[in-house]
N, C-alpha and C. Protein backbone atom coordinates (compact mmCIF):
# COMPACT_ATOMS: atom_id res chain seq x y z
N MET A 1 142.63 142.28 32.03
CA MET A 1 141.68 142.41 30.96
C MET A 1 140.49 141.52 31.31
N SER A 2 139.33 142.07 31.31
CA SER A 2 138.15 141.27 31.64
C SER A 2 137.56 140.69 30.37
N ARG A 3 136.85 139.62 30.55
CA ARG A 3 136.14 139.00 29.44
C ARG A 3 134.79 138.56 29.97
N GLY A 4 133.84 138.45 29.11
CA GLY A 4 132.51 138.06 29.54
C GLY A 4 131.97 136.96 28.67
N TYR A 5 130.93 136.35 29.15
CA TYR A 5 130.26 135.33 28.36
C TYR A 5 128.81 135.29 28.76
N THR A 6 128.00 134.80 27.86
CA THR A 6 126.60 134.57 28.18
C THR A 6 126.40 133.07 28.13
N SER A 7 125.58 132.57 28.97
CA SER A 7 125.41 131.13 29.03
C SER A 7 123.96 130.76 29.18
N ALA A 8 123.51 129.85 28.32
CA ALA A 8 122.16 129.34 28.43
C ALA A 8 122.19 127.94 29.03
N GLY A 9 123.36 127.43 29.27
CA GLY A 9 123.52 126.08 29.78
C GLY A 9 124.84 125.94 30.50
N PRO A 10 125.39 124.73 30.54
CA PRO A 10 126.61 124.50 31.28
C PRO A 10 127.86 125.09 30.62
N MET A 11 127.81 125.43 29.35
CA MET A 11 128.98 125.95 28.65
C MET A 11 128.65 127.32 28.07
N ALA A 12 129.60 128.24 28.14
CA ALA A 12 129.39 129.57 27.59
C ALA A 12 129.08 129.49 26.10
N THR A 13 128.16 130.31 25.64
CA THR A 13 127.79 130.33 24.23
C THR A 13 128.69 131.26 23.44
N PHE A 14 128.98 132.44 23.99
CA PHE A 14 129.81 133.42 23.31
C PHE A 14 130.83 134.01 24.29
N TYR A 15 131.99 134.37 23.74
CA TYR A 15 132.98 135.12 24.49
C TYR A 15 133.03 136.50 23.86
N VAL A 16 132.95 137.53 24.68
CA VAL A 16 133.00 138.91 24.22
C VAL A 16 134.21 139.56 24.88
N PHE A 17 135.11 140.10 24.07
CA PHE A 17 136.33 140.70 24.58
C PHE A 17 136.15 142.22 24.69
N PRO A 18 136.81 142.86 25.63
CA PRO A 18 136.66 144.31 25.84
C PRO A 18 137.03 145.13 24.61
N CYS A 19 137.91 144.61 23.75
CA CYS A 19 138.34 145.35 22.57
C CYS A 19 137.32 145.27 21.43
N GLY A 20 136.28 144.44 21.60
CA GLY A 20 135.21 144.41 20.61
C GLY A 20 134.86 143.06 20.02
N PRO A 21 135.82 142.23 19.63
CA PRO A 21 135.46 140.96 18.99
C PRO A 21 134.65 140.03 19.89
N SER A 22 133.74 139.30 19.29
CA SER A 22 132.94 138.28 19.98
C SER A 22 133.09 136.98 19.22
N PHE A 23 133.11 135.89 19.94
CA PHE A 23 133.29 134.58 19.32
C PHE A 23 132.31 133.58 19.89
N HIS A 24 131.75 132.76 19.03
CA HIS A 24 131.01 131.59 19.47
C HIS A 24 132.06 130.68 20.12
N VAL A 25 131.71 130.03 21.21
CA VAL A 25 132.70 129.28 21.98
C VAL A 25 133.37 128.18 21.14
N GLN A 26 132.59 127.45 20.33
CA GLN A 26 133.20 126.39 19.52
C GLN A 26 134.14 126.95 18.47
N CYS A 27 133.78 128.10 17.89
CA CYS A 27 134.65 128.74 16.89
C CYS A 27 135.94 129.25 17.53
N LEU A 28 135.83 129.80 18.73
CA LEU A 28 137.02 130.28 19.43
C LEU A 28 137.94 129.11 19.78
N ILE A 29 137.36 128.02 20.26
CA ILE A 29 138.16 126.84 20.59
C ILE A 29 138.87 126.31 19.34
N ALA A 30 138.15 126.23 18.22
CA ALA A 30 138.74 125.75 16.97
C ALA A 30 139.89 126.66 16.53
N HIS A 31 139.69 127.96 16.62
CA HIS A 31 140.73 128.91 16.20
C HIS A 31 141.96 128.82 17.11
N VAL A 32 141.73 128.83 18.40
CA VAL A 32 142.84 128.84 19.35
C VAL A 32 143.61 127.52 19.28
N THR A 33 142.93 126.38 19.21
CA THR A 33 143.64 125.10 19.17
C THR A 33 144.43 124.93 17.88
N ARG A 34 143.96 125.53 16.79
CA ARG A 34 144.70 125.45 15.52
C ARG A 34 146.02 126.20 15.61
N CYS A 35 146.08 127.20 16.46
CA CYS A 35 147.26 128.06 16.56
C CYS A 35 148.18 127.70 17.72
N LYS A 36 147.82 126.73 18.53
CA LYS A 36 148.62 126.34 19.68
C LYS A 36 149.45 125.10 19.35
N THR A 37 150.37 124.75 20.25
CA THR A 37 151.13 123.52 20.09
C THR A 37 150.20 122.33 20.29
N GLU A 38 150.64 121.16 19.89
CA GLU A 38 149.81 119.96 20.02
C GLU A 38 149.45 119.68 21.48
N THR A 39 150.40 119.88 22.39
CA THR A 39 150.15 119.67 23.82
C THR A 39 149.12 120.66 24.35
N GLN A 40 149.28 121.93 24.00
CA GLN A 40 148.35 122.96 24.45
C GLN A 40 146.95 122.72 23.86
N ALA A 41 146.89 122.34 22.60
CA ALA A 41 145.60 122.07 21.96
C ALA A 41 144.93 120.87 22.62
N GLY A 42 145.71 119.84 22.93
CA GLY A 42 145.17 118.66 23.62
C GLY A 42 144.61 119.02 24.99
N TYR A 43 145.31 119.89 25.69
CA TYR A 43 144.86 120.35 27.00
C TYR A 43 143.52 121.07 26.88
N ILE A 44 143.40 121.97 25.91
CA ILE A 44 142.16 122.72 25.70
C ILE A 44 141.02 121.79 25.32
N LEU A 45 141.28 120.86 24.41
CA LEU A 45 140.23 119.93 23.98
C LEU A 45 139.80 119.01 25.12
N ASP A 46 140.76 118.63 25.97
CA ASP A 46 140.40 117.83 27.15
C ASP A 46 139.52 118.62 28.11
N LEU A 47 139.85 119.88 28.32
CA LEU A 47 139.02 120.72 29.19
C LEU A 47 137.61 120.85 28.63
N GLN A 48 137.52 121.05 27.33
CA GLN A 48 136.21 121.16 26.69
C GLN A 48 135.42 119.85 26.86
N LYS A 49 136.09 118.75 26.67
CA LYS A 49 135.43 117.44 26.82
C LYS A 49 134.95 117.25 28.26
N GLN A 50 135.78 117.63 29.22
CA GLN A 50 135.41 117.49 30.62
C GLN A 50 134.23 118.39 30.98
N ARG A 51 134.14 119.57 30.34
CA ARG A 51 133.00 120.47 30.59
C ARG A 51 131.71 119.86 30.09
N THR A 52 131.76 119.13 28.99
CA THR A 52 130.55 118.54 28.44
C THR A 52 130.24 117.19 29.06
N LEU A 53 131.23 116.54 29.67
CA LEU A 53 131.04 115.23 30.30
C LEU A 53 131.49 115.28 31.76
N PRO A 54 130.82 116.05 32.63
CA PRO A 54 131.24 116.10 34.03
C PRO A 54 131.12 114.72 34.67
N GLY A 55 132.07 114.37 35.49
CA GLY A 55 132.07 113.07 36.14
C GLY A 55 133.05 112.11 35.48
N SER A 56 133.62 112.50 34.34
CA SER A 56 134.61 111.65 33.69
C SER A 56 135.84 111.57 34.59
N GLN A 57 136.53 110.47 34.54
CA GLN A 57 137.60 110.22 35.50
C GLN A 57 138.96 110.81 35.12
N ALA A 58 139.27 110.90 33.82
CA ALA A 58 140.61 111.35 33.45
C ALA A 58 140.57 112.78 32.93
N ARG A 59 141.53 113.58 33.37
CA ARG A 59 141.63 114.96 32.93
C ARG A 59 143.10 115.34 32.89
N ARG A 60 143.49 116.08 31.87
CA ARG A 60 144.88 116.52 31.79
C ARG A 60 145.11 117.70 32.71
N ASP A 61 146.29 117.74 33.32
CA ASP A 61 146.64 118.94 34.06
C ASP A 61 147.25 119.93 33.07
N GLN A 62 147.65 121.10 33.53
CA GLN A 62 148.11 122.15 32.63
C GLN A 62 149.37 121.76 31.86
N ASN A 63 150.17 120.85 32.38
CA ASN A 63 151.38 120.43 31.71
C ASN A 63 151.16 119.25 30.77
N GLY A 64 149.93 118.79 30.62
CA GLY A 64 149.64 117.70 29.70
C GLY A 64 149.55 116.34 30.36
N GLY A 65 149.90 116.24 31.66
CA GLY A 65 149.80 114.97 32.36
C GLY A 65 148.36 114.63 32.70
N ILE A 66 148.08 113.37 32.97
CA ILE A 66 146.72 112.95 33.28
C ILE A 66 146.46 113.09 34.77
N ASN A 67 145.33 113.70 35.11
CA ASN A 67 144.89 113.87 36.48
C ASN A 67 143.64 113.01 36.65
N ASP A 68 143.67 111.99 37.51
CA ASP A 68 142.56 111.05 37.66
C ASP A 68 141.49 111.51 38.64
N GLU A 69 141.50 112.75 39.03
CA GLU A 69 140.51 113.27 39.97
C GLU A 69 139.17 113.48 39.25
N PRO A 70 138.09 112.90 39.74
CA PRO A 70 136.80 113.08 39.06
C PRO A 70 136.26 114.49 39.21
N VAL A 71 135.54 114.94 38.19
CA VAL A 71 134.93 116.27 38.23
C VAL A 71 133.47 116.06 38.53
N THR A 72 133.12 116.15 39.83
CA THR A 72 131.74 115.89 40.21
C THR A 72 131.11 117.06 40.94
N SER A 73 131.86 117.79 41.69
CA SER A 73 131.27 118.87 42.48
C SER A 73 131.13 120.15 41.67
N THR A 74 130.29 121.04 42.14
CA THR A 74 130.10 122.33 41.49
C THR A 74 131.39 123.12 41.50
N THR A 75 132.12 123.03 42.59
CA THR A 75 133.39 123.75 42.70
C THR A 75 134.37 123.27 41.64
N SER A 76 134.46 121.96 41.44
CA SER A 76 135.36 121.42 40.42
C SER A 76 134.90 121.82 39.03
N ALA A 77 133.60 121.81 38.79
CA ALA A 77 133.07 122.22 37.48
C ALA A 77 133.38 123.70 37.23
N GLU A 78 133.25 124.52 38.25
CA GLU A 78 133.57 125.94 38.12
C GLU A 78 135.06 126.14 37.87
N LYS A 79 135.87 125.36 38.56
CA LYS A 79 137.32 125.43 38.35
C LYS A 79 137.67 125.01 36.93
N LEU A 80 137.02 123.98 36.44
CA LEU A 80 137.24 123.50 35.08
C LEU A 80 136.83 124.56 34.06
N ARG A 81 135.70 125.23 34.29
CA ARG A 81 135.26 126.30 33.41
C ARG A 81 136.27 127.44 33.40
N GLN A 82 136.80 127.77 34.58
CA GLN A 82 137.79 128.83 34.69
C GLN A 82 139.08 128.46 33.94
N GLN A 83 139.50 127.21 34.05
CA GLN A 83 140.70 126.76 33.33
C GLN A 83 140.50 126.87 31.82
N LEU A 84 139.31 126.48 31.34
CA LEU A 84 139.02 126.59 29.91
C LEU A 84 138.98 128.05 29.49
N ASP A 85 138.34 128.90 30.30
CA ASP A 85 138.32 130.33 30.01
C ASP A 85 139.73 130.89 29.89
N ASP A 86 140.59 130.53 30.83
CA ASP A 86 141.97 131.02 30.81
C ASP A 86 142.72 130.52 29.59
N ALA A 87 142.47 129.27 29.20
CA ALA A 87 143.19 128.66 28.08
C ALA A 87 142.77 129.23 26.74
N ILE A 88 141.48 129.52 26.55
CA ILE A 88 141.03 129.99 25.23
C ILE A 88 140.74 131.47 25.17
N ALA A 89 140.48 132.09 26.31
CA ALA A 89 140.06 133.50 26.28
C ALA A 89 140.89 134.37 27.20
N GLY A 90 142.10 133.97 27.49
CA GLY A 90 142.97 134.77 28.33
C GLY A 90 143.32 136.10 27.69
N GLU A 91 143.25 136.13 26.36
CA GLU A 91 143.48 137.35 25.60
C GLU A 91 142.72 137.25 24.28
N CYS A 92 142.44 138.35 23.67
CA CYS A 92 141.72 138.37 22.40
C CYS A 92 142.61 137.76 21.32
N PRO A 93 142.09 136.82 20.54
CA PRO A 93 142.92 136.22 19.49
C PRO A 93 143.27 137.20 18.38
N PHE A 94 142.57 138.32 18.27
CA PHE A 94 142.88 139.32 17.25
C PHE A 94 143.85 140.39 17.73
N CYS A 95 143.96 140.58 19.05
CA CYS A 95 144.80 141.65 19.58
C CYS A 95 146.01 141.14 20.37
N GLY A 96 146.00 139.91 20.79
CA GLY A 96 147.03 139.40 21.69
C GLY A 96 148.19 138.72 20.99
N GLU A 97 148.96 137.99 21.78
CA GLU A 97 150.15 137.31 21.27
C GLU A 97 149.83 136.25 20.22
N LEU A 98 148.65 135.67 20.29
CA LEU A 98 148.26 134.66 19.31
C LEU A 98 148.31 135.24 17.90
N MET A 99 147.79 136.43 17.71
CA MET A 99 147.82 137.08 16.39
C MET A 99 149.25 137.42 15.99
N ILE A 100 150.05 137.86 16.93
CA ILE A 100 151.44 138.20 16.63
C ILE A 100 152.19 136.95 16.16
N ARG A 101 151.94 135.80 16.81
CA ARG A 101 152.58 134.55 16.40
C ARG A 101 152.07 134.07 15.04
N GLU A 102 150.82 134.38 14.71
CA GLU A 102 150.26 133.95 13.43
C GLU A 102 150.90 134.66 12.24
N ILE A 103 151.53 135.79 12.47
CA ILE A 103 152.18 136.53 11.38
C ILE A 103 153.24 135.67 10.71
N THR A 104 153.90 134.82 11.47
CA THR A 104 154.96 133.99 10.92
C THR A 104 154.46 132.73 10.21
N LEU A 105 153.16 132.44 10.30
CA LEU A 105 152.61 131.27 9.64
C LEU A 105 152.44 131.54 8.15
N PRO A 106 152.71 130.54 7.31
CA PRO A 106 152.54 130.74 5.86
C PRO A 106 151.06 130.83 5.48
N PHE A 107 150.77 131.55 4.41
CA PHE A 107 149.40 131.62 3.91
C PHE A 107 148.96 130.28 3.34
N ILE A 108 149.90 129.60 2.71
CA ILE A 108 149.61 128.31 2.10
C ILE A 108 150.40 127.25 2.85
N LEU A 109 149.68 126.30 3.41
CA LEU A 109 150.32 125.23 4.17
C LEU A 109 150.94 124.21 3.22
N PRO A 110 151.99 123.50 3.66
CA PRO A 110 152.63 122.50 2.80
C PRO A 110 151.64 121.45 2.28
N LYS A 111 150.64 121.09 3.08
CA LYS A 111 149.68 120.08 2.63
C LYS A 111 148.76 120.60 1.53
N GLU A 112 148.76 121.92 1.29
CA GLU A 112 147.95 122.52 0.24
C GLU A 112 148.75 122.78 -1.04
N ALA A 113 149.99 122.35 -1.10
CA ALA A 113 150.87 122.64 -2.23
C ALA A 113 150.33 122.08 -3.54
N GLN A 114 149.77 120.90 -3.53
CA GLN A 114 149.25 120.30 -4.76
C GLN A 114 148.09 121.13 -5.31
N GLU A 115 147.23 121.61 -4.43
CA GLU A 115 146.12 122.45 -4.88
C GLU A 115 146.63 123.76 -5.47
N VAL A 116 147.65 124.31 -4.89
CA VAL A 116 148.22 125.56 -5.38
C VAL A 116 148.77 125.38 -6.78
N THR A 117 149.50 124.30 -7.01
CA THR A 117 150.07 124.07 -8.34
C THR A 117 148.97 123.81 -9.37
N SER A 118 147.83 123.28 -8.96
CA SER A 118 146.75 123.04 -9.91
C SER A 118 146.15 124.36 -10.43
N TRP A 119 146.32 125.45 -9.69
CA TRP A 119 145.80 126.74 -10.10
C TRP A 119 146.85 127.58 -10.85
N GLU A 120 148.06 127.07 -10.97
CA GLU A 120 149.14 127.81 -11.60
C GLU A 120 148.86 128.03 -13.09
N ILE A 121 149.09 129.22 -13.58
CA ILE A 121 148.91 129.54 -14.99
C ILE A 121 150.25 129.39 -15.67
N LYS A 122 150.30 128.49 -16.66
CA LYS A 122 151.54 128.23 -17.38
C LYS A 122 151.35 128.62 -18.85
N PRO A 123 152.20 129.46 -19.37
CA PRO A 123 152.06 129.83 -20.79
C PRO A 123 152.43 128.63 -21.67
N THR A 124 151.69 128.48 -22.74
CA THR A 124 152.01 127.40 -23.68
C THR A 124 153.02 127.90 -24.69
N LEU A 125 153.77 127.00 -25.30
CA LEU A 125 154.81 127.35 -26.26
C LEU A 125 154.21 128.02 -27.49
N ALA A 126 153.04 127.57 -27.94
CA ALA A 126 152.40 128.17 -29.12
C ALA A 126 152.06 129.63 -28.87
N LYS A 127 151.58 129.95 -27.70
CA LYS A 127 151.25 131.34 -27.39
C LYS A 127 152.49 132.20 -27.32
N LEU A 128 153.59 131.64 -26.85
CA LEU A 128 154.83 132.41 -26.77
C LEU A 128 155.34 132.75 -28.15
N ARG A 129 155.19 131.85 -29.11
CA ARG A 129 155.68 132.10 -30.48
C ARG A 129 154.82 133.13 -31.20
N SER A 130 153.51 133.17 -30.88
CA SER A 130 152.61 134.07 -31.59
C SER A 130 152.71 135.51 -31.09
N VAL A 131 153.36 135.72 -29.99
CA VAL A 131 153.51 137.07 -29.45
C VAL A 131 154.70 137.73 -30.12
N SER A 132 154.46 138.86 -30.76
CA SER A 132 155.57 139.58 -31.35
C SER A 132 155.77 140.87 -30.58
N LEU A 133 156.97 141.16 -30.33
CA LEU A 133 157.31 142.36 -29.57
C LEU A 133 157.67 143.49 -30.53
N PRO A 134 157.19 144.68 -30.27
CA PRO A 134 157.54 145.83 -31.14
C PRO A 134 159.03 146.17 -30.99
N ILE A 135 159.62 146.58 -32.09
CA ILE A 135 161.05 146.91 -32.08
C ILE A 135 161.24 148.39 -32.08
């Protein structure tokens, strides 16, 4: 599956997938990292950081370990861009396995439970007494 991007600078601005969806790169990174494991998300965020700060000394390898090789050459920068492309745009987030895995996620996260209960409609006792049912 091919993917494309347009770039006005060192980082792609948009990712366009063959099936139709297009994503701003920061929005795609945010979406993909939210749906990945903590290790995978850390790897993606490290790649993004390395793309914006070439020459930094520490970089995670694909398994989450630290790689102390500096990113200074064009070849390394291109390799880093390719790794980020593979990590965030290997497949369309709307058509690929990422969407299939999202089906099992709850609509309401546990940390949002308090907000959900604040919107709950509870009948009052007075209203229950005033309702008469036809016989």
